[in-house]
Amino acid sequence: MNDTPDMPPLSRRRLLIRQWGAILWPSFVAAGLASMVFFAFVDPLRLRDITFPQHAISREMGYTLGFFMFWAVTAAASAVTWYLLRPLRRDDDELPLG
C-alpha cells in the first residue's frame, strides 16, 4: 500500500481503520442521499400505517430507522466491492483457470 521506501509500513490497526473508513464513509454519504430522496416522497407515518400499524413509531424514529437501513444496505454493497477488488495473494496467481 505504501509505495515510498522512506515511509514505515502501515500497522495492521491503521490498515484496518483505513479499510473500514473506506467502507463506512461512502456508505454514510450514500445513505444520507438515499434517505433524502426516499423521504421526499414517502411519509414515515403512512409507511408505518401500511407496514406496522400496531407499533407506535414517531416520524423522527421513522427517519432514523430509514437512514440506518439505507446505511446498512450501502455499507454491505461497499464491503462486497472492497472484497471483490482486494488483491490476490501471490500463491493464487499460479492457479490454473478452469
Protein backbone atom coordinates (compact mmCIF):
# COMPACT_ATOMS: atom_id res chain seq x y z
CA MET A 1 0.00 0.00 0.00
CA ASN A 2 2.92 2.34 0.67
CA ASP A 3 4.94 2.95 -2.47
CA THR A 4 7.60 5.18 -0.96
CA PRO A 5 10.50 3.35 0.69
CA ASP A 6 11.17 6.07 3.30
CA MET A 7 7.73 5.72 4.92
CA PRO A 8 7.22 2.98 7.51
CA PRO A 9 4.74 0.25 6.59
CA LEU A 10 1.23 0.69 7.89
CA SER A 11 0.47 -1.10 11.09
CA ARG A 12 -2.28 -3.68 10.97
CA ARG A 13 -4.52 -1.48 13.14
CA ARG A 14 -4.09 1.58 10.88
CA LEU A 15 -4.73 -0.55 7.79
CA LEU A 16 -7.92 -1.93 9.35
CA ILE A 17 -9.10 1.59 10.26
CA ARG A 18 -8.38 2.76 6.72
CA GLN A 19 -10.31 -0.18 5.22
CA TRP A 20 -13.34 0.33 7.48
CA GLY A 21 -13.25 4.05 6.75
CA ALA A 22 -13.25 3.34 3.02
CA ILE A 23 -16.36 1.21 3.51
CA LEU A 24 -18.32 3.23 6.09
CA TRP A 25 -17.74 6.82 4.95
CA PRO A 26 -19.03 6.48 1.34
CA SER A 27 -21.93 4.36 2.57
CA PHE A 28 -22.80 7.06 5.13
CA VAL A 29 -22.94 9.72 2.41
CA ALA A 30 -24.95 7.43 0.10
CA ALA A 31 -27.38 6.62 2.93
CA GLY A 32 -27.89 10.33 3.60
CA LEU A 33 -28.66 10.99 -0.06
CA ALA A 34 -30.92 7.94 -0.33
CA SER A 35 -32.81 9.00 2.81
CA MET A 36 -33.38 12.49 1.46
CA VAL A 37 -34.70 11.21 -1.85
CA PHE A 38 -36.82 8.44 -0.31
CA PHE A 39 -38.39 10.58 2.41
CA ALA A 40 -39.09 13.40 -0.03
CA PHE A 41 -41.77 11.11 -1.48
CA VAL A 42 -42.69 8.81 1.43
CA ASP A 43 -44.09 9.87 4.80
CA PRO A 44 -42.79 7.66 7.63
CA LEU A 45 -46.17 7.73 9.41
CA ARG A 46 -48.02 6.49 6.32
CA LEU A 47 -45.36 3.83 5.83
CA ARG A 48 -45.83 2.76 9.45
CA ASP A 49 -49.60 2.54 9.00
CA ILE A 50 -49.13 0.28 6.00
CA THR A 51 -46.44 -1.99 7.46
CA PHE A 52 -46.60 -1.98 11.30
CA PRO A 53 -49.83 -0.30 12.44
CA GLN A 54 -49.64 -1.92 15.91
CA HIS A 55 -46.34 -0.17 16.76
CA ALA A 56 -46.17 3.44 17.92
CA ILE A 57 -43.31 4.87 15.85
CA SER A 58 -42.87 8.62 15.58
CA ARG A 59 -41.96 10.40 12.38
CA GLU A 60 -38.44 11.10 13.68
CA MET A 61 -37.98 7.42 14.58
CA GLY A 62 -39.11 6.52 11.06
CA TYR A 63 -36.48 8.83 9.58
CA THR A 64 -33.84 7.36 11.87
CA LEU A 65 -34.72 3.75 11.12
CA GLY A 66 -34.84 4.51 7.41
CA PHE A 67 -31.41 6.15 7.48
CA PHE A 68 -29.82 3.24 9.33
CA MET A 69 -31.49 0.76 6.97
CA PHE A 70 -30.06 2.63 3.97
CA TRP A 71 -26.66 2.83 5.70
CA ALA A 72 -26.62 -0.93 6.34
CA VAL A 73 -27.51 -1.70 2.72
CA THR A 74 -24.95 0.69 1.25
CA ALA A 75 -22.27 -0.47 3.71
CA ALA A 76 -22.91 -4.07 2.64
CA ALA A 77 -22.56 -3.03 -1.00
CA SER A 78 -19.31 -1.18 -0.24
CA ALA A 79 -17.95 -4.17 1.69
CA VAL A 80 -18.70 -6.54 -1.18
CA THR A 81 -17.00 -4.14 -3.59
CA TRP A 82 -13.94 -3.96 -1.31
CA TYR A 83 -13.86 -7.76 -1.04
CA LEU A 84 -14.02 -8.23 -4.81
CA LEU A 85 -11.33 -5.61 -5.51
CA ARG A 86 -8.77 -6.75 -2.94
CA PRO A 87 -5.53 -8.05 -4.45
CA LEU A 88 -4.95 -11.78 -4.73
CA ARG A 89 -2.25 -13.48 -2.73
CA ARG A 90 0.91 -14.31 -4.67
CA ASP A 91 0.43 -18.10 -4.46
CA ASP A 92 -3.03 -17.75 -6.04
CA ASP A 93 -1.55 -16.19 -9.17
CA GLU A 94 -0.25 -19.54 -10.43
CA LEU A 95 -3.54 -21.44 -10.16
CA PRO A 96 -4.82 -22.76 -13.49
CA LEU A 97 -8.18 -21.45 -14.68
CA GLY A 98 -10.96 -24.00 -15.02
